[in-house]
Amino acid sequence: GEIFADRAYNDDATLVARSVPGAVLHAAETAAPRILKMLQAGAIIAESGKHIPCRIDTICLHGDTNGAVALGRGVRAHLENAGVKISKF
C-alpha cells in the first residue's frame, strides 16, 4: 500500500483534485504530522477526518511538487524523530 505525503484525500481514498485549494501540500510542517497520524492509524485520513483502513508500505512524494526535496527531508526527519523506521524498498 502507498500513501501520498503531498496530497489530500477524499472520503473514497481518491486524491483531491489539484485544482482544489489545499489539495497539494507544500510544507513539511503540515504534511509530516498528517503522515505520522496515518501510519499510527493504519489508515488514509481524508480531509473530512474519515479513516480509511489500509496497509501502508510506502510513502510517495511527487517530484514535481514545488519544494519536494525539502518536504521529503522534513517528513523523513519527523517520522524518524517519532521512532518510525525508514527502510530501503
N, C-alpha and C. Protein backbone atom coordinates (compact mmCIF):
# COMPACT_ATOMS: atom_id res chain seq x y z
N GLY A 1 0.83 -1.18 0.00
CA GLY A 1 0.00 0.00 0.00
C GLY A 1 0.87 1.24 0.00
N GLU A 2 0.40 2.26 -0.66
CA GLU A 2 1.16 3.50 -0.79
C GLU A 2 0.26 4.68 -0.44
N ILE A 3 0.81 5.63 0.31
CA ILE A 3 0.10 6.88 0.59
C ILE A 3 0.94 8.03 0.07
N PHE A 4 0.30 9.17 -0.11
CA PHE A 4 0.98 10.34 -0.66
C PHE A 4 1.17 11.40 0.41
N ALA A 5 2.41 11.82 0.58
CA ALA A 5 2.75 12.82 1.59
C ALA A 5 2.29 14.21 1.19
N ASP A 6 2.22 14.46 -0.10
CA ASP A 6 1.98 15.82 -0.58
C ASP A 6 0.60 16.03 -1.19
N ARG A 7 -0.33 15.11 -0.92
CA ARG A 7 -1.66 15.24 -1.50
C ARG A 7 -2.73 14.98 -0.44
N ALA A 8 -3.86 15.64 -0.61
CA ALA A 8 -5.01 15.46 0.27
C ALA A 8 -5.92 14.38 -0.33
N TYR A 9 -6.70 13.74 0.54
CA TYR A 9 -7.57 12.64 0.13
C TYR A 9 -9.05 12.97 0.30
N ASN A 10 -9.85 12.39 -0.60
CA ASN A 10 -11.31 12.42 -0.49
C ASN A 10 -11.76 11.25 0.37
N ASP A 11 -13.03 11.22 0.71
CA ASP A 11 -13.59 10.15 1.55
C ASP A 11 -13.56 8.77 0.91
N ASP A 12 -13.38 8.70 -0.42
CA ASP A 12 -13.32 7.40 -1.10
C ASP A 12 -11.87 6.98 -1.39
N ALA A 13 -10.91 7.63 -0.73
CA ALA A 13 -9.48 7.35 -0.84
C ALA A 13 -8.87 7.82 -2.15
N THR A 14 -9.60 8.56 -2.94
CA THR A 14 -9.01 9.16 -4.14
C THR A 14 -8.35 10.48 -3.74
N LEU A 15 -7.46 10.96 -4.60
CA LEU A 15 -6.79 12.22 -4.33
C LEU A 15 -7.69 13.39 -4.66
N VAL A 16 -7.66 14.41 -3.82
CA VAL A 16 -8.40 15.64 -4.08
C VAL A 16 -7.81 16.25 -5.35
N ALA A 17 -8.66 16.73 -6.23
CA ALA A 17 -8.21 17.33 -7.49
C ALA A 17 -7.24 18.47 -7.21
N ARG A 18 -6.18 18.53 -7.99
CA ARG A 18 -5.16 19.56 -7.81
C ARG A 18 -5.73 20.98 -7.91
N SER A 19 -6.86 21.14 -8.59
CA SER A 19 -7.47 22.46 -8.75
C SER A 19 -8.14 22.96 -7.48
N VAL A 20 -8.32 22.09 -6.49
CA VAL A 20 -8.97 22.45 -5.23
C VAL A 20 -7.91 23.00 -4.27
N PRO A 21 -8.16 24.18 -3.68
CA PRO A 21 -7.20 24.73 -2.72
C PRO A 21 -6.91 23.73 -1.60
N GLY A 22 -5.63 23.56 -1.28
CA GLY A 22 -5.23 22.65 -0.21
C GLY A 22 -5.03 21.21 -0.65
N ALA A 23 -5.26 20.93 -1.93
CA ALA A 23 -5.11 19.56 -2.43
C ALA A 23 -3.66 19.12 -2.48
N VAL A 24 -2.76 20.07 -2.74
CA VAL A 24 -1.34 19.77 -2.80
C VAL A 24 -0.66 20.43 -1.60
N LEU A 25 0.05 19.62 -0.84
CA LEU A 25 0.73 20.10 0.37
C LEU A 25 2.17 20.42 0.03
N HIS A 26 2.64 21.56 0.50
CA HIS A 26 4.00 22.01 0.19
C HIS A 26 4.89 22.10 1.42
N ALA A 27 4.33 22.14 2.60
CA ALA A 27 5.12 22.35 3.82
C ALA A 27 5.23 21.07 4.64
N ALA A 28 6.45 20.74 5.04
CA ALA A 28 6.66 19.57 5.88
C ALA A 28 5.93 19.71 7.21
N GLU A 29 5.79 20.94 7.69
CA GLU A 29 5.10 21.17 8.96
C GLU A 29 3.64 20.74 8.90
N THR A 30 3.08 20.73 7.71
CA THR A 30 1.69 20.28 7.51
C THR A 30 1.65 18.80 7.18
N ALA A 31 2.50 18.38 6.25
CA ALA A 31 2.45 17.01 5.75
C ALA A 31 2.96 15.98 6.76
N ALA A 32 4.04 16.27 7.45
CA ALA A 32 4.67 15.28 8.31
C ALA A 32 3.77 14.77 9.45
N PRO A 33 3.14 15.64 10.23
CA PRO A 33 2.27 15.13 11.30
C PRO A 33 1.08 14.35 10.74
N ARG A 34 0.61 14.75 9.58
CA ARG A 34 -0.51 14.08 8.92
C ARG A 34 -0.10 12.66 8.53
N ILE A 35 1.08 12.51 7.96
CA ILE A 35 1.56 11.18 7.56
C ILE A 35 1.79 10.30 8.80
N LEU A 36 2.36 10.86 9.85
CA LEU A 36 2.57 10.10 11.08
C LEU A 36 1.23 9.59 11.62
N LYS A 37 0.21 10.44 11.62
CA LYS A 37 -1.12 10.01 12.09
C LYS A 37 -1.65 8.87 11.24
N MET A 38 -1.44 8.93 9.92
CA MET A 38 -1.90 7.85 9.04
C MET A 38 -1.18 6.55 9.36
N LEU A 39 0.14 6.63 9.57
CA LEU A 39 0.89 5.42 9.90
C LEU A 39 0.42 4.84 11.23
N GLN A 40 0.21 5.68 12.21
CA GLN A 40 -0.25 5.22 13.52
C GLN A 40 -1.65 4.61 13.45
N ALA A 41 -2.50 5.17 12.60
CA ALA A 41 -3.88 4.69 12.47
C ALA A 41 -3.99 3.50 11.53
N GLY A 42 -2.97 3.29 10.69
CA GLY A 42 -3.08 2.24 9.67
C GLY A 42 -4.20 2.56 8.70
N ALA A 43 -4.30 3.85 8.38
CA ALA A 43 -5.42 4.30 7.54
C ALA A 43 -5.07 5.58 6.81
N ILE A 44 -5.68 5.75 5.65
CA ILE A 44 -5.67 7.04 4.98
C ILE A 44 -6.64 7.91 5.77
N ILE A 45 -6.26 9.13 6.03
CA ILE A 45 -7.15 10.06 6.72
C ILE A 45 -7.56 11.13 5.71
N ALA A 46 -8.83 11.11 5.36
CA ALA A 46 -9.35 12.05 4.37
C ALA A 46 -9.46 13.44 4.98
N GLU A 47 -9.64 14.42 4.11
CA GLU A 47 -9.79 15.80 4.55
C GLU A 47 -10.94 15.96 5.54
N SER A 48 -11.96 15.14 5.42
CA SER A 48 -13.11 15.21 6.32
C SER A 48 -12.80 14.63 7.70
N GLY A 49 -11.66 13.92 7.79
CA GLY A 49 -11.32 13.23 9.04
C GLY A 49 -11.65 11.75 9.00
N LYS A 50 -12.34 11.31 7.95
CA LYS A 50 -12.69 9.89 7.81
C LYS A 50 -11.42 9.05 7.71
N HIS A 51 -11.41 7.93 8.45
CA HIS A 51 -10.31 6.97 8.40
C HIS A 51 -10.68 5.84 7.44
N ILE A 52 -9.79 5.57 6.49
CA ILE A 52 -9.98 4.50 5.53
C ILE A 52 -8.87 3.50 5.76
N PRO A 53 -9.17 2.41 6.47
CA PRO A 53 -8.12 1.44 6.81
C PRO A 53 -7.40 0.93 5.56
N CYS A 54 -6.07 0.86 5.65
CA CYS A 54 -5.28 0.33 4.54
C CYS A 54 -3.90 -0.07 5.04
N ARG A 55 -3.27 -0.90 4.27
CA ARG A 55 -1.89 -1.28 4.54
C ARG A 55 -1.01 -0.16 3.98
N ILE A 56 -0.03 0.28 4.74
CA ILE A 56 0.87 1.34 4.30
C ILE A 56 2.30 0.81 4.30
N ASP A 57 2.83 0.63 3.09
CA ASP A 57 4.20 0.15 2.94
C ASP A 57 5.15 1.25 2.49
N THR A 58 4.62 2.18 1.69
CA THR A 58 5.47 3.23 1.13
C THR A 58 4.76 4.58 1.21
N ILE A 59 5.58 5.62 1.21
CA ILE A 59 5.07 6.99 1.19
C ILE A 59 5.64 7.64 -0.07
N CYS A 60 4.74 8.09 -0.94
CA CYS A 60 5.14 8.71 -2.20
C CYS A 60 5.16 10.22 -2.05
N LEU A 61 6.08 10.83 -2.74
CA LEU A 61 6.18 12.28 -2.79
C LEU A 61 6.40 12.64 -4.25
N HIS A 62 5.55 13.47 -4.80
CA HIS A 62 5.66 13.85 -6.20
C HIS A 62 6.86 14.78 -6.41
N GLY A 63 7.75 14.40 -7.27
CA GLY A 63 8.95 15.19 -7.53
C GLY A 63 8.67 16.51 -8.21
N ASP A 64 7.47 16.64 -8.82
CA ASP A 64 7.15 17.90 -9.49
C ASP A 64 6.47 18.91 -8.57
N THR A 65 6.30 18.55 -7.31
CA THR A 65 5.73 19.46 -6.34
C THR A 65 6.79 20.48 -5.94
N ASN A 66 6.44 21.75 -5.95
CA ASN A 66 7.39 22.78 -5.52
C ASN A 66 7.89 22.47 -4.12
N GLY A 67 9.20 22.52 -3.93
CA GLY A 67 9.78 22.26 -2.62
C GLY A 67 9.80 20.79 -2.24
N ALA A 68 9.74 19.89 -3.20
CA ALA A 68 9.64 18.45 -2.92
C ALA A 68 10.81 17.93 -2.08
N VAL A 69 12.01 18.38 -2.36
CA VAL A 69 13.17 17.88 -1.62
C VAL A 69 13.08 18.28 -0.15
N ALA A 70 12.78 19.53 0.10
CA ALA A 70 12.65 20.00 1.49
C ALA A 70 11.49 19.30 2.19
N LEU A 71 10.40 19.10 1.46
CA LEU A 71 9.24 18.41 2.02
C LEU A 71 9.62 16.98 2.40
N GLY A 72 10.30 16.29 1.50
CA GLY A 72 10.71 14.91 1.78
C GLY A 72 11.64 14.82 2.97
N ARG A 73 12.59 15.72 3.03
CA ARG A 73 13.52 15.72 4.17
C ARG A 73 12.79 15.99 5.49
N GLY A 74 11.87 16.93 5.45
CA GLY A 74 11.11 17.26 6.66
C GLY A 74 10.22 16.13 7.13
N VAL A 75 9.56 15.47 6.18
CA VAL A 75 8.71 14.33 6.53
C VAL A 75 9.56 13.21 7.11
N ARG A 76 10.65 12.91 6.45
CA ARG A 76 11.53 11.84 6.94
C ARG A 76 12.03 12.14 8.36
N ALA A 77 12.51 13.35 8.59
CA ALA A 77 13.02 13.72 9.92
C ALA A 77 11.93 13.59 10.98
N HIS A 78 10.73 14.05 10.66
CA HIS A 78 9.62 13.98 11.61
C HIS A 78 9.30 12.51 11.95
N LEU A 79 9.26 11.68 10.94
CA LEU A 79 8.94 10.27 11.16
C LEU A 79 10.04 9.58 11.97
N GLU A 80 11.29 9.84 11.63
CA GLU A 80 12.39 9.23 12.38
C GLU A 80 12.40 9.71 13.83
N ASN A 81 12.13 10.99 14.05
CA ASN A 81 12.08 11.52 15.42
C ASN A 81 10.96 10.90 16.22
N ALA A 82 9.92 10.41 15.52
CA ALA A 82 8.79 9.75 16.19
C ALA A 82 9.03 8.26 16.35
N GLY A 83 10.18 7.77 15.89
CA GLY A 83 10.51 6.37 16.06
C GLY A 83 10.11 5.47 14.90
N VAL A 84 9.69 6.05 13.79
CA VAL A 84 9.32 5.26 12.62
C VAL A 84 10.61 4.84 11.92
N LYS A 85 10.71 3.54 11.63
CA LYS A 85 11.90 3.01 10.96
C LYS A 85 11.73 3.19 9.45
N ILE A 86 12.68 3.86 8.82
CA ILE A 86 12.68 4.06 7.38
C ILE A 86 13.57 2.98 6.77
N SER A 87 13.04 2.27 5.78
CA SER A 87 13.80 1.19 5.15
C SER A 87 13.88 1.38 3.65
N LYS A 88 14.91 0.81 3.06
CA LYS A 88 15.02 0.81 1.60
C LYS A 88 13.95 -0.13 1.05
N PHE A 89 13.52 0.19 -0.16
CA PHE A 89 12.48 -0.60 -0.82
C PHE A 89 12.99 -1.97 -1.14
